[in-house]
């Protein structure tokens, strides 16, 4: 059997940086003149390093998910206390871990706990968490770039009471070329403003970094207009009680209200973003 750079194959397969190992240039299987000696010690060492790295990555994913989605204060607190402290130390360090452990018992709500943990994270880990949430969420998001523009009828300027730099969830996009003003409107769902009512805001107040329409949205064309909505809200999939989904929703028909709630949950919209 010829020498084979198995170590490099393992690094590539599991996306492990050479910085995390000491055996990149060493073949795991290295035979002497009799072709009998296998350097099993290097293999065991490499496997342990690889396994430890993979477990750290799994813990980080679990950590991100709980910090984002956990709703129960007791579950979140017990998970932190019961988790292996070495896993925490590997991603946030001893000092930050001890600060979290010593203070988390004083938190009254789940959001206070999450804020405490989030504020103690290193800058790079905060950035990783935001990337993780962005990848997991199934909703279009837009960043506010200004707060004032003309009102709906174009008669006067209006402050739309947004916060520059904040991201907002876009439930739908309405394009109507027949409108004289604001031909493009975003249907924004902002849980900090209202947990039940989306509202239309001029698109010029926002910018969208990711211009890809998620697979779960449907584009509908009519005369000189276009609508982009989650699949559950369009006529092709929703059988209206009266006229349309939104008419049913604003008339408080139980069917539409229930579908709205389940859709918001499916889109992974966090009602109270942890970094606000």
Protein backbone atom coordinates (compact mmCIF):
# COMPACT_ATOMS: atom_id res chain seq x y z
CA UNK A 1 0.00 0.00 0.00
CA UNK A 2 1.53 3.33 -0.99
CA UNK A 3 1.79 6.26 1.37
CA UNK A 4 -1.37 8.37 1.21
CA UNK A 5 -1.87 11.91 2.60
CA UNK A 6 -4.97 10.90 4.59
CA UNK A 7 -4.50 13.82 6.96
CA UNK A 8 -5.03 16.27 4.13
CA UNK A 9 -8.14 14.39 2.97
CA UNK A 10 -9.61 14.62 6.48
CA UNK A 11 -8.84 18.33 6.63
CA UNK A 12 -10.61 18.90 3.34
CA UNK A 13 -13.60 16.68 4.13
CA UNK A 14 -14.36 18.34 7.44
CA UNK A 15 -13.23 21.83 6.43
CA UNK A 16 -10.66 21.95 9.23
CA UNK A 17 -8.03 24.66 8.96
CA UNK A 18 -4.42 23.45 9.10
CA UNK A 19 -3.99 25.90 11.99
CA UNK A 20 -6.11 23.55 14.11
CA UNK A 21 -3.76 20.58 13.57
CA UNK A 22 -0.13 19.65 13.68
CA UNK A 23 -0.08 16.82 11.20
CA UNK A 24 -0.82 18.35 7.80
CA UNK A 25 2.47 17.33 6.25
CA UNK A 26 2.57 13.89 7.92
CA UNK A 27 1.00 10.87 6.28
CA UNK A 28 -1.19 9.00 8.75
CA UNK A 29 -0.18 5.71 7.16
CA UNK A 30 3.61 5.61 6.99
CA UNK A 31 5.26 2.25 6.38
CA UNK A 32 8.82 1.16 7.16
CA UNK A 33 10.96 -1.06 4.91
CA UNK A 34 8.90 -4.09 5.90
CA UNK A 35 5.69 -2.18 5.21
CA UNK A 36 4.26 -3.26 8.56
CA UNK A 37 4.44 -0.25 10.90
CA UNK A 38 1.40 2.03 10.99
CA UNK A 39 1.76 5.30 12.82
CA UNK A 40 -1.47 4.79 14.70
CA UNK A 41 -0.46 7.33 17.37
CA UNK A 42 -0.66 10.13 14.81
CA UNK A 43 -4.02 8.87 13.60
CA UNK A 44 -5.46 8.80 17.14
CA UNK A 45 -4.12 12.29 17.84
CA UNK A 46 -5.51 13.61 14.57
CA UNK A 47 -8.89 11.97 15.15
CA UNK A 48 -9.15 13.44 18.66
CA UNK A 49 -8.34 16.91 17.37
CA UNK A 50 -10.83 16.55 14.53
CA UNK A 51 -13.56 15.22 16.88
CA UNK A 52 -12.98 18.03 19.37
CA UNK A 53 -13.18 20.64 16.63
CA UNK A 54 -16.40 19.16 15.25
CA UNK A 55 -17.99 19.07 18.73
CA UNK A 56 -17.09 22.74 19.22
CA UNK A 57 -18.76 23.60 15.92
CA UNK A 58 -21.88 21.64 16.94
CA UNK A 59 -22.01 23.43 20.28
CA UNK A 60 -21.66 26.82 18.61
CA UNK A 61 -24.58 26.05 16.31
CA UNK A 62 -26.67 24.96 19.30
CA UNK A 63 -25.60 28.09 21.17
CA UNK A 64 -26.60 30.34 18.28
CA UNK A 65 -29.94 28.59 17.85
CA UNK A 66 -30.87 28.86 21.53
CA UNK A 67 -29.76 32.48 21.76
CA UNK A 68 -31.95 33.24 18.77
CA UNK A 69 -35.01 31.02 19.22
CA UNK A 70 -35.37 29.91 22.85
CA UNK A 71 -38.54 31.36 24.38
CA UNK A 72 -38.51 29.76 27.84
CA UNK A 73 -36.44 31.47 30.54
CA UNK A 74 -35.98 28.33 32.67
CA UNK A 75 -34.91 26.17 29.71
CA UNK A 76 -32.38 28.76 28.59
CA UNK A 77 -30.94 29.21 32.09
CA UNK A 78 -30.69 25.46 32.74
CA UNK A 79 -29.05 24.87 29.37
CA UNK A 80 -26.33 27.40 30.22
CA UNK A 81 -25.74 25.90 33.68
CA UNK A 82 -25.81 22.29 32.46
CA UNK A 83 -23.68 22.71 29.34
CA UNK A 84 -20.06 21.64 29.40
CA UNK A 85 -18.09 24.67 30.57
CA UNK A 86 -15.22 23.68 28.27
CA UNK A 87 -17.49 24.17 25.27
CA UNK A 88 -18.31 27.69 26.42
CA UNK A 89 -14.66 28.45 27.15
CA UNK A 90 -13.73 27.32 23.64
CA UNK A 91 -15.96 29.91 21.96
CA UNK A 92 -16.18 32.87 24.39
CA UNK A 93 -13.25 32.50 26.79
CA UNK A 94 -13.09 32.16 30.58
CA UNK A 95 -13.63 35.79 31.57
CA UNK A 96 -16.83 36.27 29.57
CA UNK A 97 -18.14 32.86 30.61
CA UNK A 98 -17.71 33.65 34.32
CA UNK A 99 -19.42 37.03 33.88
CA UNK A 100 -22.43 35.37 32.23
CA UNK A 101 -22.67 32.62 34.87
CA UNK A 102 -22.45 35.10 37.74
CA UNK A 103 -25.07 37.51 36.37
CA UNK A 104 -27.63 35.38 34.55
CA UNK A 105 -29.43 34.39 37.78
CA UNK A 106 -30.34 38.05 38.29
CA UNK A 107 -32.24 38.28 35.00
CA UNK A 108 -36.03 38.40 35.28
CA UNK A 109 -37.01 37.62 31.68
CA UNK A 110 -35.70 35.51 28.80
CA UNK A 111 -34.94 38.68 26.85
CA UNK A 112 -32.81 40.06 29.69
CA UNK A 113 -30.88 36.78 29.68
CA UNK A 114 -30.34 36.89 25.95
CA UNK A 115 -29.27 40.53 26.08
CA UNK A 116 -26.79 39.74 28.86
CA UNK A 117 -25.25 36.90 26.86
CA UNK A 118 -25.26 38.82 23.59
CA UNK A 119 -23.64 41.93 25.06
CA UNK A 120 -20.84 39.82 26.54
CA UNK A 121 -19.99 38.14 23.24
CA UNK A 122 -16.80 39.12 21.38
CA UNK A 123 -17.38 41.30 18.32
CA UNK A 124 -16.51 38.50 15.90
CA UNK A 125 -18.99 36.12 17.56
CA UNK A 126 -21.75 38.75 17.39
CA UNK A 127 -21.06 39.03 13.67
CA UNK A 128 -21.18 35.22 13.29
CA UNK A 129 -24.51 35.12 15.14
CA UNK A 130 -26.04 37.75 12.83
CA UNK A 131 -24.82 35.79 9.79
CA UNK A 132 -26.28 32.60 11.25
CA UNK A 133 -29.69 34.24 11.80
CA UNK A 134 -29.68 35.80 8.34
CA UNK A 135 -29.03 32.41 6.75
CA UNK A 136 -31.70 30.66 8.82
CA UNK A 137 -34.48 33.20 8.36
CA UNK A 138 -36.81 32.70 5.42
CA UNK A 139 -38.04 36.29 5.14
CA UNK A 140 -36.92 39.28 3.07
CA UNK A 141 -35.27 41.97 5.19
CA UNK A 142 -34.50 45.61 4.43
CA UNK A 143 -32.29 48.15 6.20
CA UNK A 144 -33.67 51.63 6.88
CA UNK A 145 -31.50 54.35 5.28
CA UNK A 146 -33.71 57.38 6.04
CA UNK A 147 -36.92 58.15 7.91
CA UNK A 148 -38.60 60.96 5.94
CA UNK A 149 -40.26 61.18 2.53
CA UNK A 150 -43.61 62.22 1.05
CA UNK A 151 -46.77 60.75 2.52
CA UNK A 152 -49.03 58.42 0.52
CA UNK A 153 -50.74 61.17 -1.45
CA UNK A 154 -47.51 63.09 -2.06
CA UNK A 155 -48.86 66.30 -0.56
CA UNK A 156 -46.39 66.77 2.30
CA UNK A 157 -43.29 65.32 3.88
CA UNK A 158 -43.75 62.73 6.61
CA UNK A 159 -41.62 61.20 9.32
CA UNK A 160 -42.37 57.46 9.11
CA UNK A 161 -40.95 56.82 12.61
CA UNK A 162 -38.33 54.29 11.62
CA UNK A 163 -34.77 53.93 12.91
CA UNK A 164 -31.91 54.44 10.47
CA UNK A 165 -29.66 51.37 10.39
CA UNK A 166 -32.29 48.98 11.74
CA UNK A 167 -33.43 45.98 9.70
CA UNK A 168 -37.13 45.42 9.08
CA UNK A 169 -39.01 42.31 7.99
CA UNK A 170 -40.68 42.59 4.58
CA UNK A 171 -43.88 40.54 4.47
CA UNK A 172 -44.74 41.71 0.98
CA UNK A 173 -43.69 44.04 -1.85
CA UNK A 174 -46.27 45.97 -3.86
CA UNK A 175 -45.39 47.49 -7.24
CA UNK A 176 -48.11 49.54 -8.94
CA UNK A 177 -47.15 51.68 -11.92
CA UNK A 178 -50.56 53.38 -11.85
CA UNK A 179 -49.75 55.06 -8.54
CA UNK A 180 -48.53 58.63 -8.96
CA UNK A 181 -46.44 58.51 -5.79
CA UNK A 182 -44.58 55.62 -4.18
CA UNK A 183 -44.99 53.09 -6.95
CA UNK A 184 -43.08 50.59 -4.81
CA UNK A 185 -44.22 49.93 -1.25
CA UNK A 186 -42.83 47.46 1.27
CA UNK A 187 -45.26 45.74 3.59
CA UNK A 188 -43.25 45.90 6.79
CA UNK A 189 -43.81 43.73 9.82
CA UNK A 190 -42.14 45.33 12.84
CA UNK A 191 -42.94 43.41 16.04
CA UNK A 192 -41.56 46.24 18.18
CA UNK A 193 -44.26 48.51 16.71
CA UNK A 194 -47.12 46.03 16.36
CA UNK A 195 -47.11 42.25 16.71
CA UNK A 196 -50.29 41.91 14.68
CA UNK A 197 -50.38 44.56 11.96
CA UNK A 198 -48.08 44.86 8.93
CA UNK A 199 -48.06 48.29 7.32
CA UNK A 200 -47.04 49.73 3.94
CA UNK A 201 -43.94 51.94 3.83
CA UNK A 202 -42.33 53.61 0.76
CA UNK A 203 -39.47 51.50 -0.56
CA UNK A 204 -37.21 54.54 -0.95
CA UNK A 205 -36.64 54.51 2.81
CA UNK A 206 -34.85 51.16 2.62
CA UNK A 207 -32.13 49.21 0.93
CA UNK A 208 -32.00 45.44 0.45
CA UNK A 209 -28.61 43.73 0.43
CA UNK A 210 -29.88 40.30 -0.62
CA UNK A 211 -32.04 40.79 -3.71
CA UNK A 212 -32.96 37.11 -3.99
CA UNK A 213 -36.65 36.36 -3.47
CA UNK A 214 -36.97 33.41 -1.03
CA UNK A 215 -38.46 30.22 -2.44
CA UNK A 216 -41.49 30.47 -0.16
CA UNK A 217 -42.59 33.80 -1.72
CA UNK A 218 -44.86 33.98 -4.76
CA UNK A 219 -44.79 36.73 -7.41
CA UNK A 220 -48.19 37.72 -8.83
CA UNK A 221 -48.61 39.93 -11.91
CA UNK A 222 -51.74 41.88 -12.80
CA UNK A 223 -52.37 44.92 -15.01
CA UNK A 224 -49.37 47.27 -14.51
CA UNK A 225 -48.72 45.87 -11.05
CA UNK A 226 -46.77 43.16 -9.27
CA UNK A 227 -47.11 41.69 -5.79
CA UNK A 228 -44.59 39.56 -3.88
CA UNK A 229 -46.02 37.71 -0.87
CA UNK A 230 -45.46 34.59 1.23
CA UNK A 231 -47.20 31.67 -0.47
CA UNK A 232 -49.81 31.37 2.28
CA UNK A 233 -51.21 34.85 1.55
CA UNK A 234 -51.91 34.61 -2.19
CA UNK A 235 -55.16 33.60 -3.86
CA UNK A 236 -53.57 30.54 -5.47
CA UNK A 237 -53.09 28.91 -2.07
CA UNK A 238 -55.58 30.74 0.18
CA UNK A 239 -59.32 30.25 -0.25
CA UNK A 240 -60.76 33.56 0.99
CA UNK A 241 -63.74 33.74 3.30
CA UNK A 242 -64.85 36.99 1.64
CA UNK A 243 -62.54 38.52 -0.96
CA UNK A 244 -58.83 38.03 -0.20
CA UNK A 245 -56.46 36.99 2.54
CA UNK A 246 -55.73 40.52 3.73
CA UNK A 247 -59.39 41.51 3.72
CA UNK A 248 -60.16 38.44 5.80
CA UNK A 249 -57.24 39.19 8.09
CA UNK A 250 -58.22 42.79 8.79
CA UNK A 251 -61.82 41.64 9.33
CA UNK A 252 -60.51 39.25 12.00
CA UNK A 253 -61.67 36.07 10.33
CA UNK A 254 -60.24 33.22 12.41
CA UNK A 255 -58.91 31.35 9.38
CA UNK A 256 -56.80 34.28 8.12
CA UNK A 257 -55.58 35.26 11.60
CA UNK A 258 -54.41 31.70 12.28
CA UNK A 259 -52.62 31.46 8.92
CA UNK A 260 -50.91 34.81 9.53
CA UNK A 261 -49.60 33.66 12.91
CA UNK A 262 -48.31 30.31 11.62
CA UNK A 263 -46.70 32.02 8.61
CA UNK A 264 -44.87 34.50 10.84
CA UNK A 265 -43.56 31.55 12.85
CA UNK A 266 -42.56 29.66 9.69
CA UNK A 267 -40.66 32.69 8.42
CA UNK A 268 -38.61 32.59 11.64
CA UNK A 269 -39.40 36.20 12.49
CA UNK A 270 -38.08 37.00 15.93
CA UNK A 271 -40.61 39.13 17.80
CA UNK A 272 -37.90 40.74 19.93
CA UNK A 273 -34.55 40.85 18.11
CA UNK A 274 -31.79 40.20 20.64
CA UNK A 275 -29.57 43.01 19.43
CA UNK A 276 -32.15 45.78 19.77
